[in-house]
């Protein structure tokens, strides 16, 4: 069910144990060859596919296109909410649904920069509602739910999501090819190890003067079709676990085999 297509009374009649899915993405530069809408475009397509499969089992909020993208602000076209503004926005969105009585809230992420503030926002909401035992507040990033795409299609070379990389470029080629520029001549920008296992603070220009990270020249429509199918299936299976949660246990059903 799509929130924006329902009247207020129809929303009011929905079971409050129905998971509310809030897609969070971004508008930001994606190198020289992909549109600034890339993260929102890709997540929107995945959510569309999943909503059609799960139908009345989930309530999908409008995609939140404004993300935390300050690390991309050196590149024109990026639109970003600063960290605290973004935290407050997510806090308010989740609290809105809690105030209506919904108890299962999912932030479904499609932009790496949203990960840390989204986790913090859910942590803050949980602390304000610490005496409640009925809440399930979750964040998931669509490419982080278990699929290893190179095992599905051995032609896929990258092992992690980059930025305007082989994966994202392939997916845009599969969905909106007319928006893709000259990716075949895009240089390889290796992600590097960034002092791993530590986390190094960075801006995009620290890592890439051109604005992409990865191997976009390896992209293809066929790989994009594989990636969309794999990621959509992952999200659907994971949301089914949220739907099947017993309303009490810490771990959920774990019946689908996702790693703890």
C-alpha atoms as a PDB file:
ATOM      1  CA  UNK A   1       0.000   0.000   0.000  1.00  0.00           C
ATOM      2  CA  UNK A   2       1.231   3.453  -0.866  1.00  0.00           C
ATOM      3  CA  UNK A   3       0.516   6.079   1.768  1.00  0.00           C
ATOM      4  CA  UNK A   4       0.044   8.874  -0.775  1.00  0.00           C
ATOM      5  CA  UNK A   5      -2.709   6.976  -2.602  1.00  0.00           C
ATOM      6  CA  UNK A   6      -4.859   6.437   0.512  1.00  0.00           C
ATOM      7  CA  UNK A   7      -7.277   8.745   2.286  1.00  0.00           C
ATOM      8  CA  UNK A   8      -6.811   9.485   5.963  1.00  0.00           C
ATOM      9  CA  UNK A   9      -9.706   7.195   7.022  1.00  0.00           C
ATOM     10  CA  UNK A  10      -8.276   4.325   4.963  1.00  0.00           C
ATOM     11  CA  UNK A  11      -4.894   4.774   6.600  1.00  0.00           C
ATOM     12  CA  UNK A  12      -6.633   4.860   9.961  1.00  0.00           C
ATOM     13  CA  UNK A  13      -8.210   1.477   9.254  1.00  0.00           C
ATOM     14  CA  UNK A  14      -4.883  -0.266   8.622  1.00  0.00           C
ATOM     15  CA  UNK A  15      -3.623  -2.657  11.297  1.00  0.00           C
ATOM     16  CA  UNK A  16      -1.072  -0.895  13.465  1.00  0.00           C
ATOM     17  CA  UNK A  17       1.223  -3.929  13.270  1.00  0.00           C
ATOM     18  CA  UNK A  18       1.626  -3.320   9.524  1.00  0.00           C
ATOM     19  CA  UNK A  19       5.248  -2.364   8.827  1.00  0.00           C
ATOM     20  CA  UNK A  20       5.686   1.232   7.680  1.00  0.00           C
ATOM     21  CA  UNK A  21       8.491   1.467   5.118  1.00  0.00           C
ATOM     22  CA  UNK A  22      10.137   4.884   4.774  1.00  0.00           C
ATOM     23  CA  UNK A  23      12.539   4.939   1.789  1.00  0.00           C
ATOM     24  CA  UNK A  24      15.444   7.345   2.351  1.00  0.00           C
ATOM     25  CA  UNK A  25      17.765   8.343  -0.477  1.00  0.00           C
ATOM     26  CA  UNK A  26      19.513  11.451  -1.827  1.00  0.00           C
ATOM     27  CA  UNK A  27      20.083  13.951  -4.600  1.00  0.00           C
ATOM     28  CA  UNK A  28      23.818  14.290  -5.166  1.00  0.00           C
ATOM     29  CA  UNK A  29      26.487  14.201  -7.818  1.00  0.00           C
ATOM     30  CA  UNK A  30      27.310  10.814  -9.325  1.00  0.00           C
ATOM     31  CA  UNK A  31      30.449  11.505 -11.285  1.00  0.00           C
ATOM     32  CA  UNK A  32      30.338  12.769 -14.847  1.00  0.00           C
ATOM     33  CA  UNK A  33      28.099  10.030 -16.245  1.00  0.00           C
ATOM     34  CA  UNK A  34      25.097   9.526 -13.918  1.00  0.00           C
ATOM     35  CA  UNK A  35      22.279  11.886 -12.869  1.00  0.00           C
ATOM     36  CA  UNK A  36      22.094  13.457  -9.420  1.00  0.00           C
ATOM     37  CA  UNK A  37      18.820  11.524  -8.972  1.00  0.00           C
ATOM     38  CA  UNK A  38      20.623   8.145  -9.052  1.00  0.00           C
ATOM     39  CA  UNK A  39      20.188   7.027  -5.421  1.00  0.00           C
ATOM     40  CA  UNK A  40      16.528   8.031  -5.365  1.00  0.00           C
ATOM     41  CA  UNK A  41      15.912   6.540  -8.807  1.00  0.00           C
ATOM     42  CA  UNK A  42      17.345   3.142  -7.884  1.00  0.00           C
ATOM     43  CA  UNK A  43      15.770   2.874  -4.447  1.00  0.00           C
ATOM     44  CA  UNK A  44      12.444   4.037  -5.871  1.00  0.00           C
ATOM     45  CA  UNK A  45      12.473   1.233  -8.439  1.00  0.00           C
ATOM     46  CA  UNK A  46      13.324  -1.380  -5.812  1.00  0.00           C
ATOM     47  CA  UNK A  47      10.554  -0.156  -3.507  1.00  0.00           C
ATOM     48  CA  UNK A  48       8.096  -0.162  -6.413  1.00  0.00           C
ATOM     49  CA  UNK A  49       8.894  -3.809  -7.156  1.00  0.00           C
ATOM     50  CA  UNK A  50       8.662  -4.860  -3.525  1.00  0.00           C
ATOM     51  CA  UNK A  51       5.400  -2.993  -2.897  1.00  0.00           C
ATOM     52  CA  UNK A  52       3.789  -4.797  -5.834  1.00  0.00           C
ATOM     53  CA  UNK A  53       4.806  -8.179  -4.378  1.00  0.00           C
ATOM     54  CA  UNK A  54       3.818  -7.511  -0.750  1.00  0.00           C
ATOM     55  CA  UNK A  55       0.762  -5.384  -1.563  1.00  0.00           C
ATOM     56  CA  UNK A  56      -1.412  -4.958   1.553  1.00  0.00           C
ATOM     57  CA  UNK A  57       1.232  -6.308   3.931  1.00  0.00           C
ATOM     58  CA  UNK A  58       3.263  -3.075   4.118  1.00  0.00           C
ATOM     59  CA  UNK A  59       2.561   0.663   4.104  1.00  0.00           C
ATOM     60  CA  UNK A  60       5.068   2.599   2.003  1.00  0.00           C
ATOM     61  CA  UNK A  61       5.719   6.269   2.716  1.00  0.00           C
ATOM     62  CA  UNK A  62       6.852   8.654  -0.052  1.00  0.00           C
ATOM     63  CA  UNK A  63      10.530   8.385  -0.875  1.00  0.00           C
ATOM     64  CA  UNK A  64      12.555  10.948   1.068  1.00  0.00           C
ATOM     65  CA  UNK A  65      14.880  12.385  -1.574  1.00  0.00           C
ATOM     66  CA  UNK A  66      16.712  14.811   0.723  1.00  0.00           C
ATOM     67  CA  UNK A  67      19.597  12.964   2.333  1.00  0.00           C
ATOM     68  CA  UNK A  68      22.746  13.671   4.300  1.00  0.00           C
ATOM     69  CA  UNK A  69      25.189  14.356   1.456  1.00  0.00           C
ATOM     70  CA  UNK A  70      27.496  17.030   2.843  1.00  0.00           C
ATOM     71  CA  UNK A  71      30.533  15.017   1.723  1.00  0.00           C
ATOM     72  CA  UNK A  72      29.454  15.623  -1.898  1.00  0.00           C
ATOM     73  CA  UNK A  73      28.937  19.385  -1.629  1.00  0.00           C
ATOM     74  CA  UNK A  74      32.153  20.169  -3.520  1.00  0.00           C
ATOM     75  CA  UNK A  75      30.252  19.031  -6.632  1.00  0.00           C
ATOM     76  CA  UNK A  76      27.480  21.231  -8.033  1.00  0.00           C
ATOM     77  CA  UNK A  77      23.986  19.737  -8.055  1.00  0.00           C
ATOM     78  CA  UNK A  78      24.222  18.055  -4.673  1.00  0.00           C
ATOM     79  CA  UNK A  79      21.359  18.944  -2.317  1.00  0.00           C
ATOM     80  CA  UNK A  80      22.036  18.023   1.298  1.00  0.00           C
ATOM     81  CA  UNK A  81      20.518  18.299   4.743  1.00  0.00           C
ATOM     82  CA  UNK A  82      23.160  18.896   7.411  1.00  0.00           C
ATOM     83  CA  UNK A  83      23.589  16.085   9.921  1.00  0.00           C
ATOM     84  CA  UNK A  84      21.456  17.511  12.743  1.00  0.00           C
ATOM     85  CA  UNK A  85      18.746  18.690  10.356  1.00  0.00           C
ATOM     86  CA  UNK A  86      18.630  15.227   8.815  1.00  0.00           C
ATOM     87  CA  UNK A  87      18.511  13.571  12.228  1.00  0.00           C
ATOM     88  CA  UNK A  88      15.606  15.779  13.270  1.00  0.00           C
ATOM     89  CA  UNK A  89      13.772  15.106  10.024  1.00  0.00           C
ATOM     90  CA  UNK A  90      14.015  11.339  10.468  1.00  0.00           C
ATOM     91  CA  UNK A  91      13.094  11.626  14.145  1.00  0.00           C
ATOM     92  CA  UNK A  92       9.954  13.566  13.261  1.00  0.00           C
ATOM     93  CA  UNK A  93       8.979  11.172  10.473  1.00  0.00           C
ATOM     94  CA  UNK A  94       9.233   8.130  12.726  1.00  0.00           C
ATOM     95  CA  UNK A  95       7.488   9.863  15.628  1.00  0.00           C
ATOM     96  CA  UNK A  96       4.605  10.817  13.308  1.00  0.00           C
ATOM     97  CA  UNK A  97       3.881   7.176  12.610  1.00  0.00           C
ATOM     98  CA  UNK A  98       4.327   6.187  16.248  1.00  0.00           C
ATOM     99  CA  UNK A  99       1.793   8.860  17.213  1.00  0.00           C
ATOM    100  CA  UNK A 100      -0.730   7.172  14.889  1.00  0.00           C
ATOM    101  CA  UNK A 101      -0.140   3.863  16.660  1.00  0.00           C
ATOM    102  CA  UNK A 102       2.109   2.070  14.160  1.00  0.00           C
ATOM    103  CA  UNK A 103       4.717  -0.058  15.904  1.00  0.00           C
ATOM    104  CA  UNK A 104       6.962  -1.399  13.132  1.00  0.00           C
ATOM    105  CA  UNK A 105       8.930   1.324  11.370  1.00  0.00           C
ATOM    106  CA  UNK A 106      11.536   0.559   8.722  1.00  0.00           C
ATOM    107  CA  UNK A 107      13.959   3.082   7.245  1.00  0.00           C
ATOM    108  CA  UNK A 108      14.964   1.547   3.904  1.00  0.00           C
ATOM    109  CA  UNK A 109      18.149   3.240   2.771  1.00  0.00           C
ATOM    110  CA  UNK A 110      19.580   3.831  -0.689  1.00  0.00           C
ATOM    111  CA  UNK A 111      22.483   6.209   0.080  1.00  0.00           C
ATOM    112  CA  UNK A 112      25.607   5.338   2.059  1.00  0.00           C
ATOM    113  CA  UNK A 113      25.818   8.753   3.722  1.00  0.00           C
ATOM    114  CA  UNK A 114      22.423   8.217   5.365  1.00  0.00           C
ATOM    115  CA  UNK A 115      23.562   5.156   7.271  1.00  0.00           C
ATOM    116  CA  UNK A 116      25.121   6.718  10.379  1.00  0.00           C
ATOM    117  CA  UNK A 117      22.532   9.488  10.956  1.00  0.00           C
ATOM    118  CA  UNK A 118      19.647   7.079  10.324  1.00  0.00           C
ATOM    119  CA  UNK A 119      20.985   4.685  12.949  1.00  0.00           C
ATOM    120  CA  UNK A 120      21.380   7.599  15.362  1.00  0.00           C
ATOM    121  CA  UNK A 121      17.843   8.825  14.673  1.00  0.00           C
ATOM    122  CA  UNK A 122      16.336   5.427  15.464  1.00  0.00           C
ATOM    123  CA  UNK A 123      18.487   5.200  18.593  1.00  0.00           C
ATOM    124  CA  UNK A 124      17.139   8.574  19.744  1.00  0.00           C
ATOM    125  CA  UNK A 125      13.530   7.562  19.090  1.00  0.00           C
ATOM    126  CA  UNK A 126      14.017   4.338  21.015  1.00  0.00           C
ATOM    127  CA  UNK A 127      15.450   6.138  24.040  1.00  0.00           C
ATOM    128  CA  UNK A 128      12.485   8.517  24.146  1.00  0.00           C
ATOM    129  CA  UNK A 129      10.178   5.493  24.051  1.00  0.00           C
ATOM    130  CA  UNK A 130      12.298   3.253  26.244  1.00  0.00           C
ATOM    131  CA  UNK A 131       9.463   1.870  28.385  1.00  0.00           C
ATOM    132  CA  UNK A 132       7.613   0.478  25.384  1.00  0.00           C
ATOM    133  CA  UNK A 133       8.031  -3.204  24.552  1.00  0.00           C
ATOM    134  CA  UNK A 134       6.057  -3.293  21.326  1.00  0.00           C
ATOM    135  CA  UNK A 135       8.310  -1.276  19.016  1.00  0.00           C
ATOM    136  CA  UNK A 136      10.372  -2.571  16.129  1.00  0.00           C
ATOM    137  CA  UNK A 137      12.557   0.226  14.729  1.00  0.00           C
ATOM    138  CA  UNK A 138      14.828  -0.851  11.900  1.00  0.00           C
ATOM    139  CA  UNK A 139      17.287   0.453   9.324  1.00  0.00           C
ATOM    140  CA  UNK A 140      18.335  -1.555   6.284  1.00  0.00           C
ATOM    141  CA  UNK A 141      20.383  -0.569   3.233  1.00  0.00           C
ATOM    142  CA  UNK A 142      19.158  -2.403   0.148  1.00  0.00           C
ATOM    143  CA  UNK A 143      22.581  -3.634  -0.987  1.00  0.00           C
ATOM    144  CA  UNK A 144      23.522  -4.858   2.499  1.00  0.00           C
ATOM    145  CA  UNK A 145      20.987  -7.628   3.060  1.00  0.00           C
ATOM    146  CA  UNK A 146      23.127 -10.584   2.101  1.00  0.00           C
ATOM    147  CA  UNK A 147      23.245 -10.968  -1.666  1.00  0.00           C
ATOM    148  CA  UNK A 148      26.701 -11.294  -3.190  1.00  0.00           C
ATOM    149  CA  UNK A 149      25.908 -10.239  -6.760  1.00  0.00           C
ATOM    150  CA  UNK A 150      29.103 -11.662  -8.250  1.00  0.00           C
ATOM    151  CA  UNK A 151      27.916 -15.118  -7.194  1.00  0.00           C
ATOM    152  CA  UNK A 152      24.665 -14.584  -9.071  1.00  0.00           C
ATOM    153  CA  UNK A 153      26.470 -13.255 -12.166  1.00  0.00           C
ATOM    154  CA  UNK A 154      30.214 -14.023 -12.367  1.00  0.00           C
ATOM    155  CA  UNK A 155      30.578 -11.174 -14.877  1.00  0.00           C
ATOM    156  CA  UNK A 156      30.081  -8.680 -12.030  1.00  0.00           C
ATOM    157  CA  UNK A 157      33.525  -7.609 -10.866  1.00  0.00           C
ATOM    158  CA  UNK A 158      32.999  -5.279  -7.897  1.00  0.00           C
ATOM    159  CA  UNK A 159      32.642  -6.792  -4.443  1.00  0.00           C
ATOM    160  CA  UNK A 160      31.116  -3.761  -2.703  1.00  0.00           C
ATOM    161  CA  UNK A 161      28.845  -0.878  -3.598  1.00  0.00           C
ATOM    162  CA  UNK A 162      30.884   2.092  -4.747  1.00  0.00           C
ATOM    163  CA  UNK A 163      29.593   5.406  -6.070  1.00  0.00           C
ATOM    164  CA  UNK A 164      28.460   5.776  -9.687  1.00  0.00           C
ATOM    165  CA  UNK A 165      30.275   2.456  -9.993  1.00  0.00           C
ATOM    166  CA  UNK A 166      29.786  -0.775 -11.921  1.00  0.00           C
ATOM    167  CA  UNK A 167      26.697  -1.602  -9.849  1.00  0.00           C
ATOM    168  CA  UNK A 168      24.910   1.755  -9.886  1.00  0.00           C
ATOM    169  CA  UNK A 169      25.786   2.447 -13.518  1.00  0.00           C
ATOM    170  CA  UNK A 170      24.476  -0.972 -14.535  1.00  0.00           C
ATOM    171  CA  UNK A 171      21.209  -0.401 -12.687  1.00  0.00           C
ATOM    172  CA  UNK A 172      20.618   2.988 -14.295  1.00  0.00           C
ATOM    173  CA  UNK A 173      21.416   1.419 -17.684  1.00  0.00           C
ATOM    174  CA  UNK A 174      18.734  -1.187 -16.982  1.00  0.00           C
ATOM    175  CA  UNK A 175      16.109   1.281 -15.788  1.00  0.00           C
ATOM    176  CA  UNK A 176      16.761   4.668 -17.431  1.00  0.00           C
ATOM    177  CA  UNK A 177      19.526   4.227 -20.020  1.00  0.00           C
ATOM    178  CA  UNK A 178      18.857   7.630 -21.591  1.00  0.00           C
ATOM    179  CA  UNK A 179      20.191   9.259 -18.404  1.00  0.00           C
ATOM    180  CA  UNK A 180      23.629   7.608 -18.613  1.00  0.00           C
ATOM    181  CA  UNK A 181      26.589   9.504 -20.028  1.00  0.00           C
ATOM    182  CA  UNK A 182      29.981   8.241 -21.189  1.00  0.00           C
ATOM    183  CA  UNK A 183      30.654   5.535 -18.615  1.00  0.00           C
ATOM    184  CA  UNK A 184      32.833   3.412 -20.885  1.00  0.00           C
ATOM    185  CA  UNK A 185      35.673   5.924 -20.722  1.00  0.00           C
ATOM    186  CA  UNK A 186      35.309   6.633 -17.007  1.00  0.00           C
ATOM    187  CA  UNK A 187      38.588   5.933 -15.186  1.00  0.00           C
ATOM    188  CA  UNK A 188      38.913   3.312 -12.467  1.00  0.00           C
ATOM    189  CA  UNK A 189      38.861   4.895  -9.011  1.00  0.00           C
ATOM    190  CA  UNK A 190      39.841   2.289  -6.433  1.00  0.00           C
ATOM    191  CA  UNK A 191      38.123   2.643  -3.047  1.00  0.00           C
ATOM    192  CA  UNK A 192      41.333   2.028  -1.064  1.00  0.00           C
ATOM    193  CA  UNK A 193      41.493   0.551   2.435  1.00  0.00           C
ATOM    194  CA  UNK A 194      41.263   3.892   4.373  1.00  0.00           C
ATOM    195  CA  UNK A 195      43.163   2.596   7.405  1.00  0.00           C
ATOM    196  CA  UNK A 196      40.734  -0.271   7.876  1.00  0.00           C
ATOM    197  CA  UNK A 197      39.460  -1.589  10.230  1.00  0.00           C
ATOM    198  CA  UNK A 198      39.314   1.996  11.501  1.00  0.00           C
ATOM    199  CA  UNK A 199      36.776   4.424  10.018  1.00  0.00           C
ATOM    200  CA  UNK A 200      38.391   7.436   8.391  1.00  0.00           C
ATOM    201  CA  UNK A 201      36.474  10.689   8.012  1.00  0.00           C
ATOM    202  CA  UNK A 202      36.374  11.840   4.397  1.00  0.00           C
ATOM    203  CA  UNK A 203      34.855  13.998   1.720  1.00  0.00           C
ATOM    204  CA  UNK A 204      34.313  12.701  -1.785  1.00  0.00           C
ATOM    205  CA  UNK A 205      37.134  14.826  -3.196  1.00  0.00           C
ATOM    206  CA  UNK A 206      39.538  13.180  -0.747  1.00  0.00           C
ATOM    207  CA  UNK A 207      38.939   9.992  -2.673  1.00  0.00           C
ATOM    208  CA  UNK A 208      37.954  11.036  -6.187  1.00  0.00           C
ATOM    209  CA  UNK A 209      38.489  14.298  -8.055  1.00  0.00           C
ATOM    210  CA  UNK A 210      35.967  13.200 -10.703  1.00  0.00           C
ATOM    211  CA  UNK A 211      33.258  12.193  -8.224  1.00  0.00           C
ATOM    212  CA  UNK A 212      32.841   8.475  -8.792  1.00  0.00           C
ATOM    213  CA  UNK A 213      34.387   5.542  -6.939  1.00  0.00           C
ATOM    214  CA  UNK A 214      34.668   2.126  -8.566  1.00  0.00           C
ATOM    215  CA  UNK A 215      34.699   0.646 -12.054  1.00  0.00           C
ATOM    216  CA  UNK A 216      31.821   2.146 -14.065  1.00  0.00           C
ATOM    217  CA  UNK A 217      33.357   1.124 -17.385  1.00  0.00           C
ATOM    218  CA  UNK A 218      32.381  -2.500 -16.607  1.00  0.00           C
ATOM    219  CA  UNK A 219      28.679  -1.698 -16.376  1.00  0.00           C
ATOM    220  CA  UNK A 220      25.983  -3.241 -18.572  1.00  0.00           C
ATOM    221  CA  UNK A 221      22.204  -3.379 -18.751  1.00  0.00           C
ATOM    222  CA  UNK A 222      22.324  -7.127 -18.217  1.00  0.00           C
ATOM    223  CA  UNK A 223      24.222  -6.713 -14.951  1.00  0.00           C
ATOM    224  CA  UNK A 224      21.722  -4.069 -13.912  1.00  0.00           C
ATOM    225  CA  UNK A 225      18.822  -6.485 -14.424  1.00  0.00           C
ATOM    226  CA  UNK A 226      20.596  -9.039 -12.219  1.00  0.00           C
ATOM    227  CA  UNK A 227      21.291  -6.458  -9.522  1.00  0.00           C
ATOM    228  CA  UNK A 228      17.711  -5.164  -9.456  1.00  0.00           C
ATOM    229  CA  UNK A 229      16.320  -8.690  -9.175  1.00  0.00           C
ATOM    230  CA  UNK A 230      18.781  -9.674  -6.446  1.00  0.00           C
ATOM    231  CA  UNK A 231      18.355  -6.557  -4.319  1.00  0.00           C
ATOM    232  CA  UNK A 232      14.554  -6.494  -4.689  1.00  0.00           C
ATOM    233  CA  UNK A 233      14.361 -10.134  -3.638  1.00  0.00           C
ATOM    234  CA  UNK A 234      16.555  -9.417  -0.621  1.00  0.00           C
ATOM    235  CA  UNK A 235      14.365  -6.519   0.496  1.00  0.00           C
ATOM    236  CA  UNK A 236      11.173  -8.514   0.001  1.00  0.00           C
ATOM    237  CA  UNK A 237      12.464 -11.501   1.995  1.00  0.00           C
ATOM    238  CA  UNK A 238      13.734  -9.278   4.794  1.00  0.00           C
ATOM    239  CA  UNK A 239      10.480  -7.328   5.020  1.00  0.00           C
ATOM    240  CA  UNK A 240       8.608 -10.615   5.226  1.00  0.00           C
ATOM    241  CA  UNK A 241      10.523 -11.294   8.421  1.00  0.00           C
ATOM    242  CA  UNK A 242       9.407  -7.904   9.747  1.00  0.00           C
ATOM    243  CA  UNK A 243       5.812  -8.782   8.840  1.00  0.00           C
ATOM    244  CA  UNK A 244       6.123 -12.166  10.584  1.00  0.00           C
ATOM    245  CA  UNK A 245       7.681 -10.781  13.787  1.00  0.00           C
ATOM    246  CA  UNK A 246       5.790 -12.066  16.826  1.00  0.00           C
ATOM    247  CA  UNK A 247       5.700  -8.628  18.434  1.00  0.00           C
ATOM    248  CA  UNK A 248       7.878  -9.642  21.351  1.00  0.00           C
ATOM    249  CA  UNK A 249      11.086 -11.545  20.594  1.00  0.00           C
ATOM    250  CA  UNK A 250      14.452  -9.829  20.195  1.00  0.00           C
ATOM    251  CA  UNK A 251      15.669 -11.834  17.217  1.00  0.00           C
ATOM    252  CA  UNK A 252      12.460 -12.260  15.259  1.00  0.00           C
ATOM    253  CA  UNK A 253      11.769 -15.512  13.478  1.00  0.00           C
ATOM    254  CA  UNK A 254      15.243 -15.816  11.855  1.00  0.00           C
ATOM    255  CA  UNK A 255      13.589 -18.393   9.639  1.00  0.00           C
ATOM    256  CA  UNK A 256      14.795 -16.833   6.416  1.00  0.00           C
ATOM    257  CA  UNK A 257      18.455 -17.426   7.012  1.00  0.00           C
ATOM    258  CA  UNK A 258      19.689 -13.850   7.227  1.00  0.00           C
ATOM    259  CA  UNK A 259      22.903 -13.533   9.242  1.00  0.00           C
ATOM    260  CA  UNK A 260      22.630 -12.152  12.752  1.00  0.00           C
END
